[in-house]
Amino acid sequence: MPETLESLLWCAALATWLMLLFRIMGERLKPLSKRFGHLLEVALRLRAK
């Protein structure tokens, strides 16, 4: 039983760290994604003319 509890705690800790990592990555990539979207919009606008 203690081994099962230890495994469960390790999984919970790993899930917590992964959520934090993905949140930080999302915050860092948001400006880059906005810039890429803007460049794509400009390129499509120029192509349509």
Protein backbone atom coordinates (compact mmCIF):
# COMPACT_ATOMS: atom_id res chain seq x y z
CA MET A 1 0.00 0.00 0.00
CA PRO A 2 2.73 2.59 0.78
CA GLU A 3 4.34 1.88 -2.60
CA THR A 4 1.06 2.71 -4.34
CA LEU A 5 0.73 5.94 -2.36
CA GLU A 6 4.31 6.90 -3.22
CA SER A 7 3.66 6.29 -6.93
CA LEU A 8 0.50 8.38 -6.75
CA LEU A 9 2.38 11.24 -5.10
CA TRP A 10 5.12 11.10 -7.75
CA CYS A 11 2.50 11.25 -10.50
CA ALA A 12 0.80 14.22 -8.84
CA ALA A 13 4.12 16.04 -8.49
CA LEU A 14 5.00 15.35 -12.12
CA ALA A 15 1.60 16.58 -13.29
CA THR A 16 2.05 19.78 -11.27
CA TRP A 17 5.46 20.48 -12.77
CA LEU A 18 4.20 19.77 -16.28
CA MET A 19 1.27 22.16 -15.83
CA LEU A 20 3.64 24.88 -14.61
CA LEU A 21 6.02 24.25 -17.50
CA PHE A 22 3.27 24.42 -20.12
CA ARG A 23 1.85 27.58 -18.57
CA ILE A 24 5.25 29.29 -18.66
CA MET A 25 5.86 28.12 -22.22
CA GLY A 26 2.42 29.36 -23.26
CA GLU A 27 3.07 32.78 -21.78
CA ARG A 28 6.44 33.02 -23.53
CA LEU A 29 5.11 31.88 -26.90
CA LYS A 30 2.00 34.09 -26.93
CA PRO A 31 3.82 37.22 -28.25
CA LEU A 32 5.62 35.13 -30.84
CA SER A 33 2.34 33.64 -31.99
CA LYS A 34 0.80 37.13 -32.30
CA ARG A 35 3.74 38.31 -34.41
CA PHE A 36 3.54 35.26 -36.65
CA GLY A 37 -0.20 35.78 -37.12
CA HIS A 38 0.37 39.42 -38.03
CA LEU A 39 3.08 38.53 -40.56
CA LEU A 40 0.82 35.89 -42.09
CA GLU A 41 -2.03 38.39 -42.36
CA VAL A 42 0.25 40.94 -44.08
CA ALA A 43 1.57 38.31 -46.49
CA LEU A 44 -1.94 37.19 -47.43
CA ARG A 45 -3.06 40.78 -47.87
CA LEU A 46 -0.14 41.48 -50.22
CA ARG A 47 -0.81 38.29 -52.13
CA ALA A 48 -4.49 39.19 -52.62
CA LYS A 49 -3.59 42.52 -54.26
